[in-house]
Amino acid sequence: MGFIKYFEDSASDEHKANVYMEREWRVIGDVKFALADVHRVFMPERYAERFRADLPNYTGQLTFSDNI
């Protein structure tokens, strides 16, 4: 049951109980991808310096979640 996500299908898109549209997908096992497959990363700006140091070959976009 850990991979089932219940939601209130009658709730409006703006209702706080409508969490289905989180775009959270669950899979059993690993999801394999290369760094080149990542086009955008969302994170708080305070992690940007470390992210760039840890992944110097990342060429996609960084979007800071505290500025959205």
PDB file of N, CA and C in Angstrom:
ATOM      1  N   MET A   1       0.809  -1.197   0.000  1.00  0.00           N
ATOM      2  CA  MET A   1       0.000   0.000   0.000  1.00  0.00           C
ATOM      3  C   MET A   1       0.855   1.265   0.000  1.00  0.00           C
ATOM      4  N   GLY A   2       2.161   1.133   0.214  1.00  0.00           N
ATOM      5  CA  GLY A   2       3.018   2.310   0.262  1.00  0.00           C
ATOM      6  C   GLY A   2       3.159   3.031  -1.066  1.00  0.00           C
ATOM      7  N   PHE A   3       2.727   2.412  -2.156  1.00  0.00           N
ATOM      8  CA  PHE A   3       2.841   3.048  -3.465  1.00  0.00           C
ATOM      9  C   PHE A   3       1.502   3.566  -3.962  1.00  0.00           C
ATOM     10  N   ILE A   4       0.499   3.564  -3.108  1.00  0.00           N
ATOM     11  CA  ILE A   4      -0.814   4.081  -3.479  1.00  0.00           C
ATOM     12  C   ILE A   4      -0.968   5.455  -2.850  1.00  0.00           C
ATOM     13  N   LYS A   5      -1.385   6.419  -3.649  1.00  0.00           N
ATOM     14  CA  LYS A   5      -1.577   7.768  -3.154  1.00  0.00           C
ATOM     15  C   LYS A   5      -3.050   8.127  -3.285  1.00  0.00           C
ATOM     16  N   TYR A   6      -3.708   8.268  -2.156  1.00  0.00           N
ATOM     17  CA  TYR A   6      -5.115   8.616  -2.155  1.00  0.00           C
ATOM     18  C   TYR A   6      -5.269  10.118  -2.330  1.00  0.00           C
ATOM     19  N   PHE A   7      -6.377  10.538  -2.936  1.00  0.00           N
ATOM     20  CA  PHE A   7      -6.645  11.956  -3.086  1.00  0.00           C
ATOM     21  C   PHE A   7      -8.144  12.171  -3.171  1.00  0.00           C
ATOM     22  N   GLU A   8      -8.539  13.394  -2.920  1.00  0.00           N
ATOM     23  CA  GLU A   8      -9.947  13.772  -2.982  1.00  0.00           C
ATOM     24  C   GLU A   8     -10.226  14.301  -4.382  1.00  0.00           C
ATOM     25  N   ASP A   9     -10.837  13.474  -5.218  1.00  0.00           N
ATOM     26  CA  ASP A   9     -11.023  13.854  -6.618  1.00  0.00           C
ATOM     27  C   ASP A   9     -12.068  14.937  -6.829  1.00  0.00           C
ATOM     28  N   SER A  10     -12.875  15.220  -5.809  1.00  0.00           N
ATOM     29  CA  SER A  10     -13.875  16.279  -5.966  1.00  0.00           C
ATOM     30  C   SER A  10     -13.355  17.641  -5.509  1.00  0.00           C
ATOM     31  N   ALA A  11     -12.171  17.682  -4.916  1.00  0.00           N
ATOM     32  CA  ALA A  11     -11.602  18.960  -4.458  1.00  0.00           C
ATOM     33  C   ALA A  11     -11.174  19.795  -5.660  1.00  0.00           C
ATOM     34  N   SER A  12     -11.333  21.110  -5.548  1.00  0.00           N
ATOM     35  CA  SER A  12     -10.914  22.010  -6.628  1.00  0.00           C
ATOM     36  C   SER A  12      -9.388  22.021  -6.709  1.00  0.00           C
ATOM     37  N   ASP A  13      -8.862  22.504  -7.818  1.00  0.00           N
ATOM     38  CA  ASP A  13      -7.409  22.567  -7.991  1.00  0.00           C
ATOM     39  C   ASP A  13      -6.746  23.432  -6.927  1.00  0.00           C
ATOM     40  N   GLU A  14      -7.448  24.414  -6.398  1.00  0.00           N
ATOM     41  CA  GLU A  14      -6.882  25.344  -5.416  1.00  0.00           C
ATOM     42  C   GLU A  14      -7.014  24.848  -3.978  1.00  0.00           C
ATOM     43  N   HIS A  15      -7.841  23.834  -3.744  1.00  0.00           N
ATOM     44  CA  HIS A  15      -8.095  23.354  -2.382  1.00  0.00           C
ATOM     45  C   HIS A  15      -6.840  22.709  -1.802  1.00  0.00           C
ATOM     46  N   LYS A  16      -6.535  23.007  -0.530  1.00  0.00           N
ATOM     47  CA  LYS A  16      -5.308  22.482   0.080  1.00  0.00           C
ATOM     48  C   LYS A  16      -5.326  20.964   0.231  1.00  0.00           C
ATOM     49  N   ALA A  17      -6.503  20.343   0.183  1.00  0.00           N
ATOM     50  CA  ALA A  17      -6.582  18.885   0.266  1.00  0.00           C
ATOM     51  C   ALA A  17      -6.279  18.215  -1.068  1.00  0.00           C
ATOM     52  N   ASN A  18      -6.213  18.993  -2.135  1.00  0.00           N
ATOM     53  CA  ASN A  18      -5.936  18.435  -3.454  1.00  0.00           C
ATOM     54  C   ASN A  18      -4.422  18.356  -3.639  1.00  0.00           C
ATOM     55  N   VAL A  19      -3.852  17.232  -3.234  1.00  0.00           N
ATOM     56  CA  VAL A  19      -2.409  17.062  -3.324  1.00  0.00           C
ATOM     57  C   VAL A  19      -2.014  16.126  -4.466  1.00  0.00           C
ATOM     58  N   TYR A  20      -2.997  15.675  -5.224  1.00  0.00           N
ATOM     59  CA  TYR A  20      -2.698  14.750  -6.311  1.00  0.00           C
ATOM     60  C   TYR A  20      -1.806  15.397  -7.367  1.00  0.00           C
ATOM     61  N   MET A  21      -1.943  16.675  -7.558  1.00  0.00           N
ATOM     62  CA  MET A  21      -1.202  17.363  -8.617  1.00  0.00           C
ATOM     63  C   MET A  21       0.226  17.705  -8.208  1.00  0.00           C
ATOM     64  N   GLU A  22       0.723  17.079  -7.156  1.00  0.00           N
ATOM     65  CA  GLU A  22       2.106  17.314  -6.736  1.00  0.00           C
ATOM     66  C   GLU A  22       3.104  16.798  -7.756  1.00  0.00           C
ATOM     67  N   ARG A  23       2.649  15.952  -8.651  1.00  0.00           N
ATOM     68  CA  ARG A  23       3.506  15.339  -9.668  1.00  0.00           C
ATOM     69  C   ARG A  23       4.543  14.430  -9.030  1.00  0.00           C
ATOM     70  N   GLU A  24       4.153  13.813  -7.933  1.00  0.00           N
ATOM     71  CA  GLU A  24       5.033  12.863  -7.267  1.00  0.00           C
ATOM     72  C   GLU A  24       4.778  11.488  -7.864  1.00  0.00           C
ATOM     73  N   TRP A  25       5.803  10.881  -8.367  1.00  0.00           N
ATOM     74  CA  TRP A  25       5.677   9.562  -8.973  1.00  0.00           C
ATOM     75  C   TRP A  25       6.552   8.604  -8.195  1.00  0.00           C
ATOM     76  N   ARG A  26       6.043   7.430  -7.968  1.00  0.00           N
ATOM     77  CA  ARG A  26       6.787   6.437  -7.202  1.00  0.00           C
ATOM     78  C   ARG A  26       7.046   5.230  -8.079  1.00  0.00           C
ATOM     79  N   VAL A  27       8.233   4.709  -7.986  1.00  0.00           N
ATOM     80  CA  VAL A  27       8.597   3.512  -8.731  1.00  0.00           C
ATOM     81  C   VAL A  27       9.287   2.551  -7.781  1.00  0.00           C
ATOM     82  N   ILE A  28       9.203   1.286  -8.115  1.00  0.00           N
ATOM     83  CA  ILE A  28       9.927   0.274  -7.353  1.00  0.00           C
ATOM     84  C   ILE A  28      11.282   0.117  -8.024  1.00  0.00           C
ATOM     85  N   GLY A  29      12.343   0.268  -7.265  1.00  0.00           N
ATOM     86  CA  GLY A  29      13.686   0.154  -7.822  1.00  0.00           C
ATOM     87  C   GLY A  29      14.289   1.519  -8.116  1.00  0.00           C
ATOM     88  N   ASP A  30      15.408   1.502  -8.777  1.00  0.00           N
ATOM     89  CA  ASP A  30      16.143   2.725  -9.092  1.00  0.00           C
ATOM     90  C   ASP A  30      15.636   3.371 -10.374  1.00  0.00           C
ATOM     91  N   VAL A  31      15.767   4.675 -10.441  1.00  0.00           N
ATOM     92  CA  VAL A  31      15.523   5.416 -11.671  1.00  0.00           C
ATOM     93  C   VAL A  31      16.902   5.860 -12.153  1.00  0.00           C
ATOM     94  N   LYS A  32      17.335   5.322 -13.258  1.00  0.00           N
ATOM     95  CA  LYS A  32      18.687   5.612 -13.754  1.00  0.00           C
ATOM     96  C   LYS A  32      18.631   6.738 -14.781  1.00  0.00           C
ATOM     97  N   PHE A  33      19.545   7.696 -14.635  1.00  0.00           N
ATOM     98  CA  PHE A  33      19.651   8.792 -15.572  1.00  0.00           C
ATOM     99  C   PHE A  33      21.060   9.367 -15.483  1.00  0.00           C
ATOM    100  N   ALA A  34      21.446  10.048 -16.528  1.00  0.00           N
ATOM    101  CA  ALA A  34      22.756  10.703 -16.568  1.00  0.00           C
ATOM    102  C   ALA A  34      22.579  12.174 -16.202  1.00  0.00           C
ATOM    103  N   LEU A  35      23.638  12.809 -15.779  1.00  0.00           N
ATOM    104  CA  LEU A  35      23.588  14.225 -15.439  1.00  0.00           C
ATOM    105  C   LEU A  35      23.087  15.046 -16.620  1.00  0.00           C
ATOM    106  N   ALA A  36      23.436  14.657 -17.827  1.00  0.00           N
ATOM    107  CA  ALA A  36      22.990  15.375 -19.030  1.00  0.00           C
ATOM    108  C   ALA A  36      21.476  15.288 -19.234  1.00  0.00           C
ATOM    109  N   ASP A  37      20.826  14.322 -18.592  1.00  0.00           N
ATOM    110  CA  ASP A  37      19.370  14.194 -18.695  1.00  0.00           C
ATOM    111  C   ASP A  37      18.628  15.209 -17.830  1.00  0.00           C
ATOM    112  N   VAL A  38      19.327  15.825 -16.888  1.00  0.00           N
ATOM    113  CA  VAL A  38      18.701  16.775 -15.964  1.00  0.00           C
ATOM    114  C   VAL A  38      18.764  18.168 -16.578  1.00  0.00           C
ATOM    115  N   HIS A  39      17.594  18.779 -16.736  1.00  0.00           N
ATOM    116  CA  HIS A  39      17.527  20.096 -17.377  1.00  0.00           C
ATOM    117  C   HIS A  39      17.300  21.227 -16.389  1.00  0.00           C
ATOM    118  N   ARG A  40      16.718  20.922 -15.242  1.00  0.00           N
ATOM    119  CA  ARG A  40      16.465  21.965 -14.249  1.00  0.00           C
ATOM    120  C   ARG A  40      16.448  21.331 -12.871  1.00  0.00           C
ATOM    121  N   VAL A  41      17.015  22.042 -11.900  1.00  0.00           N
ATOM    122  CA  VAL A  41      17.018  21.606 -10.510  1.00  0.00           C
ATOM    123  C   VAL A  41      16.423  22.730  -9.676  1.00  0.00           C
ATOM    124  N   PHE A  42      15.481  22.384  -8.814  1.00  0.00           N
ATOM    125  CA  PHE A  42      14.876  23.333  -7.884  1.00  0.00           C
ATOM    126  C   PHE A  42      15.476  23.112  -6.512  1.00  0.00           C
ATOM    127  N   MET A  43      15.905  24.191  -5.864  1.00  0.00           N
ATOM    128  CA  MET A  43      16.493  24.094  -4.531  1.00  0.00           C
ATOM    129  C   MET A  43      16.488  25.466  -3.875  1.00  0.00           C
ATOM    130  N   PRO A  44      16.600  25.513  -2.550  1.00  0.00           N
ATOM    131  CA  PRO A  44      16.795  26.802  -1.887  1.00  0.00           C
ATOM    132  C   PRO A  44      18.147  27.390  -2.307  1.00  0.00           C
ATOM    133  N   GLU A  45      18.199  28.677  -2.424  1.00  0.00           N
ATOM    134  CA  GLU A  45      19.411  29.344  -2.908  1.00  0.00           C
ATOM    135  C   GLU A  45      20.623  29.061  -2.019  1.00  0.00           C
ATOM    136  N   ARG A  46      20.401  28.809  -0.741  1.00  0.00           N
ATOM    137  CA  ARG A  46      21.533  28.581   0.171  1.00  0.00           C
ATOM    138  C   ARG A  46      22.333  27.325  -0.184  1.00  0.00           C
ATOM    139  N   TYR A  47      21.790  26.431  -1.008  1.00  0.00           N
ATOM    140  CA  TYR A  47      22.507  25.219  -1.414  1.00  0.00           C
ATOM    141  C   TYR A  47      23.233  25.375  -2.761  1.00  0.00           C
ATOM    142  N   ALA A  48      23.097  26.487  -3.407  1.00  0.00           N
ATOM    143  CA  ALA A  48      23.632  26.656  -4.761  1.00  0.00           C
ATOM    144  C   ALA A  48      25.149  26.506  -4.828  1.00  0.00           C
ATOM    145  N   GLU A  49      25.857  27.119  -3.922  1.00  0.00           N
ATOM    146  CA  GLU A  49      27.320  27.061  -3.958  1.00  0.00           C
ATOM    147  C   GLU A  49      27.813  25.620  -3.810  1.00  0.00           C
ATOM    148  N   ARG A  50      27.243  24.894  -2.879  1.00  0.00           N
ATOM    149  CA  ARG A  50      27.650  23.496  -2.694  1.00  0.00           C
ATOM    150  C   ARG A  50      27.256  22.638  -3.895  1.00  0.00           C
ATOM    151  N   PHE A  51      26.059  22.873  -4.441  1.00  0.00           N
ATOM    152  CA  PHE A  51      25.613  22.124  -5.608  1.00  0.00           C
ATOM    153  C   PHE A  51      26.594  22.315  -6.764  1.00  0.00           C
ATOM    154  N   ARG A  52      26.976  23.547  -7.013  1.00  0.00           N
ATOM    155  CA  ARG A  52      27.916  23.827  -8.116  1.00  0.00           C
ATOM    156  C   ARG A  52      29.287  23.213  -7.849  1.00  0.00           C
ATOM    157  N   ALA A  53      29.709  23.184  -6.602  1.00  0.00           N
ATOM    158  CA  ALA A  53      30.997  22.565  -6.257  1.00  0.00           C
ATOM    159  C   ALA A  53      30.933  21.045  -6.428  1.00  0.00           C
ATOM    160  N   ASP A  54      29.816  20.449  -6.021  1.00  0.00           N
ATOM    161  CA  ASP A  54      29.673  18.994  -6.104  1.00  0.00           C
ATOM    162  C   ASP A  54      29.410  18.501  -7.523  1.00  0.00           C
ATOM    163  N   LEU A  55      28.778  19.326  -8.344  1.00  0.00           N
ATOM    164  CA  LEU A  55      28.419  18.929  -9.711  1.00  0.00           C
ATOM    165  C   LEU A  55      28.885  19.983 -10.724  1.00  0.00           C
ATOM    166  N   PRO A  56      30.190  20.147 -10.869  1.00  0.00           N
ATOM    167  CA  PRO A  56      30.703  21.207 -11.757  1.00  0.00           C
ATOM    168  C   PRO A  56      30.345  20.995 -13.227  1.00  0.00           C
ATOM    169  N   ASN A  57      29.988  19.789 -13.629  1.00  0.00           N
ATOM    170  CA  ASN A  57      29.644  19.532 -15.029  1.00  0.00           C
ATOM    171  C   ASN A  57      28.164  19.704 -15.326  1.00  0.00           C
ATOM    172  N   TYR A  58      27.379  20.106 -14.339  1.00  0.00           N
ATOM    173  CA  TYR A  58      25.952  20.335 -14.567  1.00  0.00           C
ATOM    174  C   TYR A  58      25.786  21.618 -15.375  1.00  0.00           C
ATOM    175  N   THR A  59      25.092  21.515 -16.499  1.00  0.00           N
ATOM    176  CA  THR A  59      24.918  22.685 -17.378  1.00  0.00           C
ATOM    177  C   THR A  59      23.463  23.126 -17.488  1.00  0.00           C
ATOM    178  N   GLY A  60      22.569  22.461 -16.764  1.00  0.00           N
ATOM    179  CA  GLY A  60      21.157  22.833 -16.811  1.00  0.00           C
ATOM    180  C   GLY A  60      20.879  24.053 -15.958  1.00  0.00           C
ATOM    181  N   GLN A  61      19.607  24.361 -15.817  1.00  0.00           N
ATOM    182  CA  GLN A  61      19.194  25.541 -15.067  1.00  0.00           C
ATOM    183  C   GLN A  61      19.046  25.231 -13.583  1.00  0.00           C
ATOM    184  N   LEU A  62      19.331  26.226 -12.767  1.00  0.00           N
ATOM    185  CA  LEU A  62      19.037  26.175 -11.338  1.00  0.00           C
ATOM    186  C   LEU A  62      17.916  27.170 -11.079  1.00  0.00           C
ATOM    187  N   THR A  63      16.896  26.704 -10.400  1.00  0.00           N
ATOM    188  CA  THR A  63      15.792  27.589 -10.017  1.00  0.00           C
ATOM    189  C   THR A  63      15.706  27.550  -8.507  1.00  0.00           C
ATOM    190  N   PHE A  64      15.731  28.730  -7.901  1.00  0.00           N
ATOM    191  CA  PHE A  64      15.739  28.793  -6.446  1.00  0.00           C
ATOM    192  C   PHE A  64      14.308  28.846  -5.927  1.00  0.00           C
ATOM    193  N   SER A  65      13.964  27.850  -5.140  1.00  0.00           N
ATOM    194  CA  SER A  65      12.595  27.699  -4.659  1.00  0.00           C
ATOM    195  C   SER A  65      12.181  28.811  -3.708  1.00  0.00           C
ATOM    196  N   ASP A  66      13.130  29.470  -3.082  1.00  0.00           N
ATOM    197  CA  ASP A  66      12.769  30.563  -2.181  1.00  0.00           C
ATOM    198  C   ASP A  66      12.518  31.858  -2.950  1.00  0.00           C
ATOM    199  N   ASN A  67      12.668  31.841  -4.270  1.00  0.00           N
ATOM    200  CA  ASN A  67      12.388  33.023  -5.103  1.00  0.00           C
ATOM    201  C   ASN A  67      11.157  32.827  -5.976  1.00  0.00           C
ATOM    202  N   ILE A  68      10.464  31.720  -5.769  1.00  0.00           N
ATOM    203  CA  ILE A  68       9.294  31.417  -6.615  1.00  0.00           C
ATOM    204  C   ILE A  68       8.054  32.009  -5.996  1.00  0.00           C
TER     205      ILE A  68
END
